[in-house]
Protein backbone atom coordinates (compact mmCIF):
# COMPACT_ATOMS: atom_id res chain seq x y z
CA UNK A 1 -0.33 -0.21 -0.23
CA UNK A 2 2.69 2.93 0.75
CA UNK A 3 4.93 1.87 -2.39
CA UNK A 4 1.49 2.67 -4.42
CA UNK A 5 1.24 5.84 -2.80
CA UNK A 6 3.95 7.07 -3.50
CA UNK A 7 4.64 6.11 -7.22
CA UNK A 8 1.25 7.80 -7.05
CA UNK A 9 2.70 11.25 -5.74
CA UNK A 10 5.48 10.46 -8.30
CA UNK A 11 4.21 11.05 -11.64
CA UNK A 12 2.30 14.08 -11.36
CA UNK A 13 5.72 15.58 -9.89
CA UNK A 14 8.12 14.57 -13.08
CA UNK A 15 4.76 16.11 -14.92
CA UNK A 16 4.49 19.08 -14.26
CA UNK A 17 9.21 19.06 -14.36
CA UNK A 18 8.65 18.02 -17.83
CA UNK A 19 5.43 21.11 -18.15
CA UNK A 20 7.40 23.41 -16.52
CA UNK A 21 10.45 23.30 -18.59
CA UNK A 22 8.51 22.81 -21.74
CA UNK A 23 7.10 25.94 -20.80
CA UNK A 24 10.18 28.23 -19.80
CA UNK A 25 11.64 26.43 -23.09
CA UNK A 26 9.10 27.55 -25.48
CA UNK A 27 9.17 31.32 -23.54
CA UNK A 28 13.30 31.40 -24.39
CA UNK A 29 12.76 30.05 -27.97
CA UNK A 30 9.53 32.94 -28.11
CA UNK A 31 12.60 35.56 -26.38
CA UNK A 32 14.77 35.59 -28.44
CA UNK A 33 12.20 35.19 -31.93
CA UNK A 34 10.93 38.49 -30.38
CA UNK A 35 14.88 40.18 -30.50
CA UNK A 36 15.58 38.76 -33.62
CA UNK A 37 12.16 40.33 -34.64
CA UNK A 38 12.69 43.52 -33.32
CA UNK A 39 15.96 43.87 -33.75
CA UNK A 40 15.21 43.78 -37.99
CA UNK A 41 12.49 45.99 -37.44
CA UNK A 42 15.37 48.39 -36.47
CA UNK A 43 17.85 47.94 -38.38
CA UNK A 44 14.84 48.39 -40.89
CA UNK A 45 13.97 52.12 -39.75
CA UNK A 46 17.52 53.15 -39.11
CA UNK A 47 17.98 52.35 -42.41
CA UNK A 48 14.76 54.61 -43.45
CA UNK A 49 15.90 57.55 -41.40
CA UNK A 50 19.12 57.20 -42.75
CA UNK A 51 17.71 57.83 -46.98
CA UNK A 52 15.41 60.22 -45.25
CA UNK A 53 16.11 62.79 -48.02
CA UNK A 54 17.51 66.21 -46.83
CA UNK A 55 15.20 68.92 -46.70
CA UNK A 56 13.06 66.22 -44.54
CA UNK A 57 15.43 66.45 -41.67
CA UNK A 58 17.06 69.13 -39.17
CA UNK A 59 20.59 69.11 -37.57
CA UNK A 60 21.57 71.06 -34.74
CA UNK A 61 25.79 71.24 -33.85
CA UNK A 62 26.56 73.00 -31.58
CA UNK A 63 30.16 73.58 -29.92
CA UNK A 64 31.28 73.73 -26.24
CA UNK A 65 33.54 76.24 -25.21
CA UNK A 66 35.29 76.20 -21.25
CA UNK A 67 38.33 78.15 -20.03
CA UNK A 68 40.71 78.03 -17.55
CA UNK A 69 43.17 80.73 -17.86
CA UNK A 70 46.74 80.14 -16.85
CA UNK A 71 48.84 82.41 -17.71
CA UNK A 72 48.81 86.54 -18.75
CA UNK A 73 51.85 88.12 -20.02
CA UNK A 74 52.18 91.44 -21.41
CA UNK A 75 55.35 91.98 -24.23
CA UNK A 76 56.10 95.59 -23.09
CA UNK A 77 56.26 96.68 -26.71
CA UNK A 78 59.84 94.83 -27.07
CA UNK A 79 58.97 92.30 -29.62
CA UNK A 80 58.74 92.74 -33.70
CA UNK A 81 57.80 90.15 -35.64
CA UNK A 82 59.70 89.91 -38.59
CA UNK A 83 58.91 86.52 -40.29
CA UNK A 84 56.85 83.45 -40.57
CA UNK A 85 57.35 80.05 -41.96
CA UNK A 86 54.45 77.77 -42.91
CA UNK A 87 56.14 74.14 -43.31
CA UNK A 88 53.95 70.06 -43.20
CA UNK A 89 55.67 68.49 -40.67
CA UNK A 90 56.31 64.69 -40.69
CA UNK A 91 57.63 63.25 -36.83
CA UNK A 92 57.97 59.84 -36.64
CA UNK A 93 58.50 57.57 -33.38
CA UNK A 94 59.81 54.16 -34.10
CA UNK A 95 60.40 51.67 -30.65
CA UNK A 96 62.47 49.03 -31.33
CA UNK A 97 63.15 46.40 -28.83
CA UNK A 98 65.67 42.87 -28.60
CA UNK A 99 66.31 40.56 -26.00
CA UNK A 100 69.73 38.35 -24.89
CA UNK A 101 71.57 41.83 -25.87
CA UNK A 102 70.30 42.78 -29.39
CA UNK A 103 70.56 38.68 -30.08
CA UNK A 104 66.87 38.67 -30.16
CA UNK A 105 64.74 40.46 -32.21
CA UNK A 106 61.00 41.29 -31.37
CA UNK A 107 59.56 43.91 -33.30
CA UNK A 108 59.61 48.23 -34.01
CA UNK A 109 56.36 49.77 -33.66
CA UNK A 110 56.10 52.35 -35.93
CA UNK A 111 54.17 56.00 -35.07
CA UNK A 112 53.54 59.24 -37.08
CA UNK A 113 51.99 62.45 -36.80
CA UNK A 114 51.80 64.67 -40.51
CA UNK A 115 50.94 67.89 -39.32
CA UNK A 116 51.07 71.19 -40.98
CA UNK A 117 53.05 74.38 -38.81
CA UNK A 118 53.35 77.76 -38.43
CA UNK A 119 56.82 79.48 -37.37
CA UNK A 120 57.09 82.62 -36.37
CA UNK A 121 60.11 84.96 -36.11
CA UNK A 122 60.43 87.88 -34.05
CA UNK A 123 62.89 90.40 -32.75
CA UNK A 124 63.44 92.03 -29.30
CA UNK A 125 63.11 96.08 -29.88
CA UNK A 126 65.20 96.26 -26.39
CA UNK A 127 67.85 94.57 -27.24
CA UNK A 128 71.53 95.82 -28.38
CA UNK A 129 71.12 97.91 -31.94
CA UNK A 130 74.12 99.55 -33.93
CA UNK A 131 72.56 101.90 -36.67
CA UNK A 132 74.95 103.46 -39.43
CA UNK A 133 75.09 105.99 -41.64
CA UNK A 134 77.63 106.48 -44.88
CA UNK A 135 76.28 108.80 -46.79
CA UNK A 136 73.00 107.06 -48.50
CA UNK A 137 74.21 103.99 -46.96
CA UNK A 138 72.48 103.62 -43.24
CA UNK A 139 73.71 100.38 -42.48
CA UNK A 140 71.47 98.83 -39.31
CA UNK A 141 72.85 96.05 -36.94
CA UNK A 142 69.73 94.48 -35.14
CA UNK A 143 69.38 91.90 -32.75
CA UNK A 144 69.55 88.00 -33.22
CA UNK A 145 66.35 86.15 -34.33
CA UNK A 146 64.29 84.06 -32.16
CA UNK A 147 62.11 81.84 -32.96
CA UNK A 148 57.95 82.97 -31.11
CA UNK A 149 57.14 79.42 -28.71
CA UNK A 150 55.03 77.83 -29.19
CA UNK A 151 54.36 77.31 -32.66
CA UNK A 152 51.27 76.81 -34.23
CA UNK A 153 49.23 73.18 -34.90
CA UNK A 154 47.16 73.40 -37.74
CA UNK A 155 45.42 69.94 -36.14
CA UNK A 156 42.12 70.09 -38.87
CA UNK A 157 44.76 68.53 -41.53
CA UNK A 158 46.91 66.77 -38.78
CA UNK A 159 47.40 62.49 -39.99
CA UNK A 160 48.38 60.21 -37.53
CA UNK A 161 49.30 56.49 -37.55
CA UNK A 162 50.89 53.94 -35.96
CA UNK A 163 51.61 50.01 -36.08
CA UNK A 164 53.06 47.93 -33.82
CA UNK A 165 55.77 45.23 -34.67
CA UNK A 166 55.01 41.95 -34.65
CA UNK A 167 55.52 41.07 -31.21
CA UNK A 168 54.73 44.39 -29.78
CA UNK A 169 51.24 45.44 -29.19
CA UNK A 170 52.30 48.99 -27.69
CA UNK A 171 51.13 51.27 -31.01
CA UNK A 172 47.89 53.51 -29.29
CA UNK A 173 50.81 53.67 -25.98
CA UNK A 174 53.46 54.46 -28.84
CA UNK A 175 50.81 57.19 -30.54
CA UNK A 176 50.16 59.22 -27.57
CA UNK A 177 54.15 59.28 -26.12
CA UNK A 178 54.63 60.94 -29.91
CA UNK A 179 51.74 63.02 -29.33
CA UNK A 180 52.93 64.34 -25.54
CA UNK A 181 56.90 64.85 -27.49
CA UNK A 182 54.87 66.58 -30.10
CA UNK A 183 55.12 70.58 -29.04
CA UNK A 184 58.73 70.39 -27.66
CA UNK A 185 60.29 69.12 -30.64
CA UNK A 186 59.09 71.46 -32.83
CA UNK A 187 60.07 74.04 -30.48
CA UNK A 188 63.24 72.55 -30.57
CA UNK A 189 63.15 72.58 -34.88
CA UNK A 190 61.82 75.87 -34.62
CA UNK A 191 65.04 77.43 -33.30
CA UNK A 192 67.31 75.11 -35.78
CA UNK A 193 69.92 76.24 -38.32
CA UNK A 194 68.30 75.52 -41.54
CA UNK A 195 64.61 77.47 -40.41
CA UNK A 196 66.65 80.27 -39.27
CA UNK A 197 68.26 80.96 -42.45
CA UNK A 198 64.76 79.99 -44.15
CA UNK A 199 63.31 82.60 -43.05
CA UNK A 200 66.57 85.42 -42.76
CA UNK A 201 65.96 86.99 -46.07
CA UNK A 202 62.70 87.43 -45.32
CA UNK A 203 62.89 88.80 -42.05
CA UNK A 204 65.26 91.09 -43.23
CA UNK A 205 62.93 93.30 -45.33
CA UNK A 206 61.21 93.43 -42.92
CA UNK A 207 63.66 95.12 -40.38
CA UNK A 208 64.64 97.48 -43.32
CA UNK A 209 60.59 98.53 -44.50
CA UNK A 210 60.58 98.53 -39.80
CA UNK A 211 63.17 101.21 -40.49
CA UNK A 212 62.44 103.27 -43.65
CA UNK A 213 58.42 103.74 -41.56
CA UNK A 214 60.07 104.36 -37.97
CA UNK A 215 63.09 107.10 -39.67
CA UNK A 216 61.81 109.26 -41.53
CA UNK A 217 65.11 110.83 -42.31
CA UNK A 218 66.39 107.86 -43.79
CA UNK A 219 63.37 107.18 -46.17
CA UNK A 220 65.18 106.79 -49.77
CA UNK A 221 68.31 105.39 -47.81
CA UNK A 222 69.28 101.68 -48.84
CA UNK A 223 69.17 100.73 -45.79
CA UNK A 224 71.61 97.36 -45.17
CA UNK A 225 70.77 94.66 -42.45
CA UNK A 226 72.83 92.31 -40.76
CA UNK A 227 71.62 90.43 -37.74
CA UNK A 228 73.79 89.90 -34.45
CA UNK A 229 73.49 86.36 -34.84
CA UNK A 230 75.40 86.65 -38.26
CA UNK A 231 77.56 88.46 -37.45
CA UNK A 232 80.66 87.04 -36.39
CA UNK A 233 79.46 84.61 -39.24
CA UNK A 234 81.72 84.06 -42.43
CA UNK A 235 79.32 85.53 -45.63
CA UNK A 236 77.44 88.61 -45.36
CA UNK A 237 79.17 91.64 -43.73
């Protein structure tokens, strides 16, 4: 009698478990199908919105600025800008890794930034000047050319790329390091001999024009300009 009662209670329990499992399975399958259907409808809706003609769409673009002034410095009227140089600079950073005293090569990560740069050059009015008149000739020995720092980067045209070597995974980190070094690197380039020589003749013309405007008595004179940083070098008198 006891065994028959136990079997009679076990059978309904197993039947209920099967029904619960089936219901759960149906619910899960239904949810998956519903999700796929919703994604399909959403995809169709997005495609339809993208294909709307322009005259049916409205667009608002906002640009926000937040300023935190860190420094304001007066030039005391002491800066005379005499030349501007615009260049396309390409800066590359190679990160080479080896092991066992360079016996095992582990790859090279190469990052590159190409950006238009505007270099400006000035002389200081408070530095020593020497003006000598010899008949109709005016010779001006003026202060040395100086780069105005930092140089200006045209970021709207900046191009960046970075590739990691075969056993390297630091392309993003190498590019970030190159970006941090970019301004200091360009500041050094602004003051190198090549850039100074490239702008020197334009700067010479600017100083001569400045002299004619601010010294009316020299308006008809032949103005010859020598910079302090070239006075001791061979070449120009």
